[in-house]
């Protein structure tokens, strides 16, 4: 029984570890702001972490403000481009 629990735990950890790699393998669509998303967002996490979600432009602005609060670096113009890029390519119409 103990061995089965260890196997189950190990399988779960491996499955979770594989999720970010799938998201990272998906290329970002070309467009104004792509390079900034890759540079700024990948400084702390895989780009796939962000692009696995969809948000309205206002929601993306909130996400970016949170990331700025956690230390993301860029100019206001950079963050405006990132928000526009994410809203266009990973937006929702909520």
PDB file of N, CA and C in Angstrom:
ATOM      1  N   UNK A   1       0.827  -1.191   0.000  1.00  0.00           N
ATOM      2  CA  UNK A   1       0.000   0.000   0.000  1.00  0.00           C
ATOM      3  C   UNK A   1       0.875   1.259   0.000  1.00  0.00           C
ATOM      4  N   UNK A   2       1.936   1.242   0.825  1.00  0.00           N
ATOM      5  CA  UNK A   2       2.822   2.395   0.909  1.00  0.00           C
ATOM      6  C   UNK A   2       3.520   2.634  -0.438  1.00  0.00           C
ATOM      7  N   UNK A   3       3.927   1.570  -1.110  1.00  0.00           N
ATOM      8  CA  UNK A   3       4.584   1.691  -2.413  1.00  0.00           C
ATOM      9  C   UNK A   3       3.627   2.289  -3.435  1.00  0.00           C
ATOM     10  N   UNK A   4       2.376   1.895  -3.405  1.00  0.00           N
ATOM     11  CA  UNK A   4       1.381   2.438  -4.331  1.00  0.00           C
ATOM     12  C   UNK A   4       1.209   3.933  -4.124  1.00  0.00           C
ATOM     13  N   UNK A   5       1.179   4.389  -2.860  1.00  0.00           N
ATOM     14  CA  UNK A   5       1.062   5.817  -2.575  1.00  0.00           C
ATOM     15  C   UNK A   5       2.267   6.579  -3.107  1.00  0.00           C
ATOM     16  N   UNK A   6       3.450   6.026  -2.939  1.00  0.00           N
ATOM     17  CA  UNK A   6       4.650   6.685  -3.459  1.00  0.00           C
ATOM     18  C   UNK A   6       4.616   6.761  -4.981  1.00  0.00           C
ATOM     19  N   UNK A   7       4.174   5.678  -5.616  1.00  0.00           N
ATOM     20  CA  UNK A   7       4.058   5.671  -7.075  1.00  0.00           C
ATOM     21  C   UNK A   7       3.039   6.716  -7.529  1.00  0.00           C
ATOM     22  N   UNK A   8       1.909   6.783  -6.863  1.00  0.00           N
ATOM     23  CA  UNK A   8       0.868   7.749  -7.211  1.00  0.00           C
ATOM     24  C   UNK A   8       1.368   9.175  -7.038  1.00  0.00           C
ATOM     25  N   UNK A   9       2.057   9.424  -5.946  1.00  0.00           N
ATOM     26  CA  UNK A   9       2.615  10.751  -5.698  1.00  0.00           C
ATOM     27  C   UNK A   9       3.639  11.113  -6.772  1.00  0.00           C
ATOM     28  N   UNK A  10       4.525  10.185  -7.097  1.00  0.00           N
ATOM     29  CA  UNK A  10       5.550  10.444  -8.112  1.00  0.00           C
ATOM     30  C   UNK A  10       4.904  10.693  -9.479  1.00  0.00           C
ATOM     31  N   UNK A  11       3.888   9.923  -9.822  1.00  0.00           N
ATOM     32  CA  UNK A  11       3.203  10.116 -11.101  1.00  0.00           C
ATOM     33  C   UNK A  11       2.524  11.477 -11.146  1.00  0.00           C
ATOM     34  N   UNK A  12       1.933  11.897 -10.044  1.00  0.00           N
ATOM     35  CA  UNK A  12       1.283  13.206  -9.991  1.00  0.00           C
ATOM     36  C   UNK A  12       2.277  14.338 -10.137  1.00  0.00           C
ATOM     37  N   UNK A  13       3.410  14.228  -9.484  1.00  0.00           N
ATOM     38  CA  UNK A  13       4.445  15.262  -9.589  1.00  0.00           C
ATOM     39  C   UNK A  13       4.960  15.342 -11.019  1.00  0.00           C
ATOM     40  N   UNK A  14       5.212  14.204 -11.641  1.00  0.00           N
ATOM     41  CA  UNK A  14       5.678  14.199 -13.030  1.00  0.00           C
ATOM     42  C   UNK A  14       4.642  14.802 -13.970  1.00  0.00           C
ATOM     43  N   UNK A  15       3.380  14.507 -13.749  1.00  0.00           N
ATOM     44  CA  UNK A  15       2.327  15.067 -14.601  1.00  0.00           C
ATOM     45  C   UNK A  15       2.265  16.580 -14.462  1.00  0.00           C
ATOM     46  N   UNK A  16       2.358  17.080 -13.248  1.00  0.00           N
ATOM     47  CA  UNK A  16       2.336  18.529 -13.036  1.00  0.00           C
ATOM     48  C   UNK A  16       3.572  19.193 -13.618  1.00  0.00           C
ATOM     49  N   UNK A  17       4.697  18.546 -13.537  1.00  0.00           N
ATOM     50  CA  UNK A  17       5.926  19.116 -14.094  1.00  0.00           C
ATOM     51  C   UNK A  17       5.854  19.207 -15.614  1.00  0.00           C
ATOM     52  N   UNK A  18       5.089  18.338 -16.246  1.00  0.00           N
ATOM     53  CA  UNK A  18       4.981  18.335 -17.704  1.00  0.00           C
ATOM     54  C   UNK A  18       4.070  19.439 -18.222  1.00  0.00           C
ATOM     55  N   UNK A  19       3.144  19.919 -17.420  1.00  0.00           N
ATOM     56  CA  UNK A  19       2.176  20.921 -17.877  1.00  0.00           C
ATOM     57  C   UNK A  19       2.845  22.188 -18.388  1.00  0.00           C
ATOM     58  N   UNK A  20       3.753  22.815 -17.639  1.00  0.00           N
ATOM     59  CA  UNK A  20       4.375  24.031 -18.153  1.00  0.00           C
ATOM     60  C   UNK A  20       5.139  23.816 -19.451  1.00  0.00           C
ATOM     61  N   UNK A  21       5.748  22.628 -19.639  1.00  0.00           N
ATOM     62  CA  UNK A  21       6.502  22.407 -20.858  1.00  0.00           C
ATOM     63  C   UNK A  21       5.584  22.368 -22.072  1.00  0.00           C
ATOM     64  N   UNK A  22       4.364  21.857 -21.920  1.00  0.00           N
ATOM     65  CA  UNK A  22       3.425  21.876 -23.039  1.00  0.00           C
ATOM     66  C   UNK A  22       3.056  23.307 -23.401  1.00  0.00           C
ATOM     67  N   UNK A  23       2.765  24.117 -22.392  1.00  0.00           N
ATOM     68  CA  UNK A  23       2.399  25.511 -22.640  1.00  0.00           C
ATOM     69  C   UNK A  23       3.559  26.288 -23.235  1.00  0.00           C
ATOM     70  N   UNK A  24       4.775  25.970 -22.812  1.00  0.00           N
ATOM     71  CA  UNK A  24       5.945  26.678 -23.304  1.00  0.00           C
ATOM     72  C   UNK A  24       6.230  26.311 -24.757  1.00  0.00           C
ATOM     73  N   UNK A  25       5.911  25.081 -25.163  1.00  0.00           N
ATOM     74  CA  UNK A  25       6.177  24.631 -26.522  1.00  0.00           C
ATOM     75  C   UNK A  25       5.330  25.361 -27.552  1.00  0.00           C
ATOM     76  N   UNK A  26       4.202  25.901 -27.150  1.00  0.00           N
ATOM     77  CA  UNK A  26       3.316  26.605 -28.063  1.00  0.00           C
ATOM     78  C   UNK A  26       3.916  27.978 -28.372  1.00  0.00           C
ATOM     79  N   UNK A  27       4.225  28.239 -29.640  1.00  0.00           N
ATOM     80  CA  UNK A  27       4.859  29.522 -29.962  1.00  0.00           C
ATOM     81  C   UNK A  27       3.889  30.688 -29.802  1.00  0.00           C
ATOM     82  N   UNK A  28       4.448  31.841 -29.464  1.00  0.00           N
ATOM     83  CA  UNK A  28       3.638  33.047 -29.367  1.00  0.00           C
ATOM     84  C   UNK A  28       3.320  33.549 -30.765  1.00  0.00           C
ATOM     85  N   UNK A  29       2.121  34.055 -30.974  1.00  0.00           N
ATOM     86  CA  UNK A  29       1.780  34.637 -32.274  1.00  0.00           C
ATOM     87  C   UNK A  29       2.656  35.866 -32.539  1.00  0.00           C
ATOM     88  N   UNK A  30       3.013  36.073 -33.783  1.00  0.00           N
ATOM     89  CA  UNK A  30       3.762  37.270 -34.146  1.00  0.00           C
ATOM     90  C   UNK A  30       2.913  38.500 -33.895  1.00  0.00           C
ATOM     91  N   UNK A  31       3.566  39.594 -33.609  1.00  0.00           N
ATOM     92  CA  UNK A  31       2.853  40.849 -33.415  1.00  0.00           C
ATOM     93  C   UNK A  31       3.643  41.804 -32.544  1.00  0.00           C
ATOM     94  N   UNK A  32       3.224  43.051 -32.587  1.00  0.00           N
ATOM     95  CA  UNK A  32       3.853  44.091 -31.796  1.00  0.00           C
ATOM     96  C   UNK A  32       3.686  43.759 -30.310  1.00  0.00           C
ATOM     97  N   UNK A  33       4.770  43.633 -29.615  1.00  0.00           N
ATOM     98  CA  UNK A  33       4.738  43.301 -28.200  1.00  0.00           C
ATOM     99  C   UNK A  33       5.213  41.900 -27.890  1.00  0.00           C
ATOM    100  N   UNK A  34       5.315  41.040 -28.894  1.00  0.00           N
ATOM    101  CA  UNK A  34       5.741  39.662 -28.666  1.00  0.00           C
ATOM    102  C   UNK A  34       7.105  39.612 -27.986  1.00  0.00           C
ATOM    103  N   UNK A  35       8.054  40.398 -28.496  1.00  0.00           N
ATOM    104  CA  UNK A  35       9.398  40.386 -27.923  1.00  0.00           C
ATOM    105  C   UNK A  35       9.397  40.854 -26.466  1.00  0.00           C
ATOM    106  N   UNK A  36       8.549  41.821 -26.151  1.00  0.00           N
ATOM    107  CA  UNK A  36       8.453  42.297 -24.768  1.00  0.00           C
ATOM    108  C   UNK A  36       7.851  41.247 -23.848  1.00  0.00           C
ATOM    109  N   UNK A  37       6.836  40.547 -24.324  1.00  0.00           N
ATOM    110  CA  UNK A  37       6.234  39.474 -23.528  1.00  0.00           C
ATOM    111  C   UNK A  37       7.291  38.421 -23.225  1.00  0.00           C
ATOM    112  N   UNK A  38       8.041  38.026 -24.248  1.00  0.00           N
ATOM    113  CA  UNK A  38       9.085  37.022 -24.043  1.00  0.00           C
ATOM    114  C   UNK A  38      10.137  37.510 -23.058  1.00  0.00           C
ATOM    115  N   UNK A  39      10.565  38.747 -23.200  1.00  0.00           N
ATOM    116  CA  UNK A  39      11.633  39.290 -22.359  1.00  0.00           C
ATOM    117  C   UNK A  39      11.157  39.537 -20.930  1.00  0.00           C
ATOM    118  N   UNK A  40      10.067  40.265 -20.772  1.00  0.00           N
ATOM    119  CA  UNK A  40       9.623  40.687 -19.447  1.00  0.00           C
ATOM    120  C   UNK A  40       8.985  39.538 -18.672  1.00  0.00           C
ATOM    121  N   UNK A  41       8.089  38.816 -19.307  1.00  0.00           N
ATOM    122  CA  UNK A  41       7.346  37.770 -18.590  1.00  0.00           C
ATOM    123  C   UNK A  41       8.225  36.563 -18.248  1.00  0.00           C
ATOM    124  N   UNK A  42       9.151  36.227 -19.160  1.00  0.00           N
ATOM    125  CA  UNK A  42       9.978  35.053 -18.910  1.00  0.00           C
ATOM    126  C   UNK A  42      11.093  35.314 -17.913  1.00  0.00           C
ATOM    127  N   UNK A  43      11.235  36.541 -17.442  1.00  0.00           N
ATOM    128  CA  UNK A  43      12.234  36.820 -16.410  1.00  0.00           C
ATOM    129  C   UNK A  43      11.888  36.109 -15.106  1.00  0.00           C
ATOM    130  N   UNK A  44      10.593  35.849 -14.884  1.00  0.00           N
ATOM    131  CA  UNK A  44      10.159  35.205 -13.636  1.00  0.00           C
ATOM    132  C   UNK A  44       9.495  33.844 -13.820  1.00  0.00           C
ATOM    133  N   UNK A  45       8.918  33.606 -14.983  1.00  0.00           N
ATOM    134  CA  UNK A  45       8.204  32.346 -15.205  1.00  0.00           C
ATOM    135  C   UNK A  45       8.151  32.061 -16.696  1.00  0.00           C
ATOM    136  N   UNK A  46       7.757  30.848 -17.047  1.00  0.00           N
ATOM    137  CA  UNK A  46       7.570  30.504 -18.455  1.00  0.00           C
ATOM    138  C   UNK A  46       6.503  31.404 -19.055  1.00  0.00           C
ATOM    139  N   UNK A  47       6.695  31.761 -20.305  1.00  0.00           N
ATOM    140  CA  UNK A  47       5.691  32.577 -20.990  1.00  0.00           C
ATOM    141  C   UNK A  47       4.361  31.832 -21.023  1.00  0.00           C
ATOM    142  N   UNK A  48       4.414  30.521 -21.127  1.00  0.00           N
ATOM    143  CA  UNK A  48       3.201  29.711 -21.145  1.00  0.00           C
ATOM    144  C   UNK A  48       2.360  29.856 -19.894  1.00  0.00           C
ATOM    145  N   UNK A  49       2.977  30.241 -18.797  1.00  0.00           N
ATOM    146  CA  UNK A  49       2.220  30.475 -17.566  1.00  0.00           C
ATOM    147  C   UNK A  49       1.202  31.582 -17.789  1.00  0.00           C
ATOM    148  N   UNK A  50       1.615  32.633 -18.464  1.00  0.00           N
ATOM    149  CA  UNK A  50       0.706  33.759 -18.737  1.00  0.00           C
ATOM    150  C   UNK A  50      -0.233  33.444 -19.881  1.00  0.00           C
ATOM    151  N   UNK A  51       0.288  32.868 -20.938  1.00  0.00           N
ATOM    152  CA  UNK A  51      -0.517  32.689 -22.146  1.00  0.00           C
ATOM    153  C   UNK A  51      -1.468  31.496 -22.067  1.00  0.00           C
ATOM    154  N   UNK A  52      -1.445  30.779 -20.968  1.00  0.00           N
ATOM    155  CA  UNK A  52      -2.412  29.694 -20.799  1.00  0.00           C
ATOM    156  C   UNK A  52      -3.761  30.231 -20.336  1.00  0.00           C
ATOM    157  N   UNK A  53      -3.822  31.536 -20.071  1.00  0.00           N
ATOM    158  CA  UNK A  53      -5.043  32.178 -19.600  1.00  0.00           C
ATOM    159  C   UNK A  53      -5.592  33.124 -20.660  1.00  0.00           C
ATOM    160  N   UNK A  54      -6.870  33.440 -20.556  1.00  0.00           N
ATOM    161  CA  UNK A  54      -7.467  34.484 -21.379  1.00  0.00           C
ATOM    162  C   UNK A  54      -8.136  35.488 -20.454  1.00  0.00           C
ATOM    163  N   UNK A  55      -7.988  36.769 -20.807  1.00  0.00           N
ATOM    164  CA  UNK A  55      -8.560  37.848 -20.011  1.00  0.00           C
ATOM    165  C   UNK A  55      -8.980  38.985 -20.929  1.00  0.00           C
ATOM    166  N   UNK A  56      -9.844  39.815 -20.437  1.00  0.00           N
ATOM    167  CA  UNK A  56     -10.152  41.060 -21.139  1.00  0.00           C
ATOM    168  C   UNK A  56      -8.938  41.975 -20.989  1.00  0.00           C
ATOM    169  N   UNK A  57      -8.902  43.057 -21.762  1.00  0.00           N
ATOM    170  CA  UNK A  57      -7.791  44.010 -21.659  1.00  0.00           C
ATOM    171  C   UNK A  57      -7.687  44.560 -20.239  1.00  0.00           C
ATOM    172  N   UNK A  58      -8.816  44.864 -19.626  1.00  0.00           N
ATOM    173  CA  UNK A  58      -8.805  45.389 -18.259  1.00  0.00           C
ATOM    174  C   UNK A  58      -8.247  44.353 -17.274  1.00  0.00           C
ATOM    175  N   UNK A  59      -8.607  43.103 -17.469  1.00  0.00           N
ATOM    176  CA  UNK A  59      -8.079  42.045 -16.605  1.00  0.00           C
ATOM    177  C   UNK A  59      -6.578  41.863 -16.812  1.00  0.00           C
ATOM    178  N   UNK A  60      -6.133  41.916 -18.091  1.00  0.00           N
ATOM    179  CA  UNK A  60      -4.691  41.814 -18.355  1.00  0.00           C
ATOM    180  C   UNK A  60      -3.955  42.960 -17.676  1.00  0.00           C
ATOM    181  N   UNK A  61      -4.545  44.133 -17.682  1.00  0.00           N
ATOM    182  CA  UNK A  61      -3.922  45.278 -17.011  1.00  0.00           C
ATOM    183  C   UNK A  61      -3.761  44.980 -15.523  1.00  0.00           C
ATOM    184  N   UNK A  62      -4.765  44.382 -14.918  1.00  0.00           N
ATOM    185  CA  UNK A  62      -4.671  43.988 -13.515  1.00  0.00           C
ATOM    186  C   UNK A  62      -3.582  42.953 -13.273  1.00  0.00           C
ATOM    187  N   UNK A  63      -3.487  41.977 -14.173  1.00  0.00           N
ATOM    188  CA  UNK A  63      -2.436  40.951 -14.064  1.00  0.00           C
ATOM    189  C   UNK A  63      -1.065  41.614 -14.151  1.00  0.00           C
ATOM    190  N   UNK A  64      -0.908  42.497 -15.131  1.00  0.00           N
ATOM    191  CA  UNK A  64       0.376  43.179 -15.318  1.00  0.00           C
ATOM    192  C   UNK A  64       0.700  44.051 -14.107  1.00  0.00           C
ATOM    193  N   UNK A  65      -0.289  44.732 -13.559  1.00  0.00           N
ATOM    194  CA  UNK A  65      -0.040  45.535 -12.355  1.00  0.00           C
ATOM    195  C   UNK A  65       0.420  44.662 -11.184  1.00  0.00           C
ATOM    196  N   UNK A  66      -0.152  43.477 -11.078  1.00  0.00           N
ATOM    197  CA  UNK A  66       0.283  42.533 -10.053  1.00  0.00           C
ATOM    198  C   UNK A  66       1.730  42.127 -10.289  1.00  0.00           C
ATOM    199  N   UNK A  67       2.067  41.843 -11.547  1.00  0.00           N
ATOM    200  CA  UNK A  67       3.435  41.430 -11.876  1.00  0.00           C
ATOM    201  C   UNK A  67       4.429  42.575 -11.627  1.00  0.00           C
ATOM    202  N   UNK A  68       4.010  43.794 -11.929  1.00  0.00           N
ATOM    203  CA  UNK A  68       4.863  44.951 -11.632  1.00  0.00           C
ATOM    204  C   UNK A  68       5.114  45.040 -10.131  1.00  0.00           C
ATOM    205  N   UNK A  69       4.094  44.772  -9.356  1.00  0.00           N
ATOM    206  CA  UNK A  69       4.230  44.784  -7.905  1.00  0.00           C
ATOM    207  C   UNK A  69       5.153  43.696  -7.390  1.00  0.00           C
ATOM    208  N   UNK A  70       5.301  42.649  -8.180  1.00  0.00           N
ATOM    209  CA  UNK A  70       6.199  41.546  -7.799  1.00  0.00           C
ATOM    210  C   UNK A  70       7.594  41.720  -8.386  1.00  0.00           C
ATOM    211  N   UNK A  71       7.810  42.838  -9.087  1.00  0.00           N
ATOM    212  CA  UNK A  71       9.161  43.124  -9.560  1.00  0.00           C
ATOM    213  C   UNK A  71       9.376  43.099 -11.060  1.00  0.00           C
ATOM    214  N   UNK A  72       8.336  42.880 -11.855  1.00  0.00           N
ATOM    215  CA  UNK A  72       8.512  42.912 -13.313  1.00  0.00           C
ATOM    216  C   UNK A  72       9.020  44.285 -13.714  1.00  0.00           C
ATOM    217  N   UNK A  73       9.992  44.299 -14.607  1.00  0.00           N
ATOM    218  CA  UNK A  73      10.627  45.552 -14.980  1.00  0.00           C
ATOM    219  C   UNK A  73      10.340  45.926 -16.418  1.00  0.00           C
ATOM    220  N   UNK A  74      10.030  47.195 -16.619  1.00  0.00           N
ATOM    221  CA  UNK A  74       9.780  47.745 -17.941  1.00  0.00           C
ATOM    222  C   UNK A  74       9.218  49.140 -17.794  1.00  0.00           C
ATOM    223  N   UNK A  75       9.168  49.837 -18.916  1.00  0.00           N
ATOM    224  CA  UNK A  75       8.591  51.183 -18.893  1.00  0.00           C
ATOM    225  C   UNK A  75       7.069  51.081 -18.982  1.00  0.00           C
ATOM    226  N   UNK A  76       6.399  52.197 -18.724  1.00  0.00           N
ATOM    227  CA  UNK A  76       4.941  52.216 -18.877  1.00  0.00           C
ATOM    228  C   UNK A  76       4.556  51.872 -20.316  1.00  0.00           C
ATOM    229  N   UNK A  77       5.345  52.379 -21.288  1.00  0.00           N
ATOM    230  CA  UNK A  77       5.080  52.068 -22.702  1.00  0.00           C
ATOM    231  C   UNK A  77       5.255  50.581 -22.972  1.00  0.00           C
ATOM    232  N   UNK A  78       6.262  49.955 -22.363  1.00  0.00           N
ATOM    233  CA  UNK A  78       6.464  48.509 -22.517  1.00  0.00           C
ATOM    234  C   UNK A  78       5.259  47.744 -21.994  1.00  0.00           C
ATOM    235  N   UNK A  79       4.801  48.121 -20.806  1.00  0.00           N
ATOM    236  CA  UNK A  79       3.674  47.405 -20.218  1.00  0.00           C
ATOM    237  C   UNK A  79       2.386  47.644 -21.008  1.00  0.00           C
ATOM    238  N   UNK A  80       2.218  48.811 -21.570  1.00  0.00           N
ATOM    239  CA  UNK A  80       1.050  49.068 -22.425  1.00  0.00           C
ATOM    240  C   UNK A  80       1.075  48.165 -23.648  1.00  0.00           C
ATOM    241  N   UNK A  81       2.267  47.975 -24.246  1.00  0.00           N
ATOM    242  CA  UNK A  81       2.395  47.078 -25.409  1.00  0.00           C
ATOM    243  C   UNK A  81       2.121  45.635 -25.019  1.00  0.00           C
ATOM    244  N   UNK A  82       2.611  45.241 -23.860  1.00  0.00           N
ATOM    245  CA  UNK A  82       2.388  43.871 -23.385  1.00  0.00           C
ATOM    246  C   UNK A  82       0.893  43.625 -23.176  1.00  0.00           C
ATOM    247  N   UNK A  83       0.224  44.556 -22.540  1.00  0.00           N
ATOM    248  CA  UNK A  83      -1.224  44.427 -22.305  1.00  0.00           C
ATOM    249  C   UNK A  83      -1.968  44.337 -23.631  1.00  0.00           C
ATOM    250  N   UNK A  84      -1.634  45.197 -24.587  1.00  0.00           N
ATOM    251  CA  UNK A  84      -2.299  45.185 -25.895  1.00  0.00           C
ATOM    252  C   UNK A  84      -2.051  43.861 -26.609  1.00  0.00           C
ATOM    253  N   UNK A  85      -0.823  43.365 -26.547  1.00  0.00           N
ATOM    254  CA  UNK A  85      -0.489  42.089 -27.194  1.00  0.00           C
ATOM    255  C   UNK A  85      -1.270  40.932 -26.562  1.00  0.00           C
ATOM    256  N   UNK A  86      -1.261  40.876 -25.237  1.00  0.00           N
ATOM    257  CA  UNK A  86      -1.962  39.791 -24.553  1.00  0.00           C
ATOM    258  C   UNK A  86      -3.467  39.869 -24.783  1.00  0.00           C
ATOM    259  N   UNK A  87      -4.026  41.056 -24.754  1.00  0.00           N
ATOM    260  CA  UNK A  87      -5.467  41.208 -24.975  1.00  0.00           C
ATOM    261  C   UNK A  87      -5.848  40.788 -26.393  1.00  0.00           C
ATOM    262  N   UNK A  88      -5.005  41.125 -27.352  1.00  0.00           N
ATOM    263  CA  UNK A  88      -5.305  40.773 -28.750  1.00  0.00           C
ATOM    264  C   UNK A  88      -5.187  39.263 -28.975  1.00  0.00           C
ATOM    265  N   UNK A  89      -4.143  38.669 -28.428  1.00  0.00           N
ATOM    266  CA  UNK A  89      -3.848  37.259 -28.725  1.00  0.00           C
ATOM    267  C   UNK A  89      -4.360  36.277 -27.687  1.00  0.00           C
ATOM    268  N   UNK A  90      -4.606  36.745 -26.482  1.00  0.00           N
ATOM    269  CA  UNK A  90      -5.056  35.871 -25.401  1.00  0.00           C
ATOM    270  C   UNK A  90      -6.185  36.550 -24.635  1.00  0.00           C
ATOM    271  N   UNK A  91      -7.038  37.235 -25.377  1.00  0.00           N
ATOM    272  CA  UNK A  91      -8.131  37.980 -24.788  1.00  0.00           C
ATOM    273  C   UNK A  91      -9.408  37.171 -24.686  1.00  0.00           C
ATOM    274  N   UNK A  92     -10.285  37.672 -23.880  1.00  0.00           N
ATOM    275  CA  UNK A  92     -11.626  37.074 -23.778  1.00  0.00           C
ATOM    276  C   UNK A  92     -12.632  38.205 -23.890  1.00  0.00           C
ATOM    277  N   UNK A  93     -13.832  37.845 -24.207  1.00  0.00           N
ATOM    278  CA  UNK A  93     -14.881  38.856 -24.383  1.00  0.00           C
ATOM    279  C   UNK A  93     -15.900  38.769 -23.252  1.00  0.00           C
ATOM    280  N   UNK A  94     -15.431  38.568 -22.039  1.00  0.00           N
ATOM    281  CA  UNK A  94     -16.320  38.428 -20.878  1.00  0.00           C
ATOM    282  C   UNK A  94     -17.231  39.624 -20.753  1.00  0.00           C
TER     283      UNK A  94
END
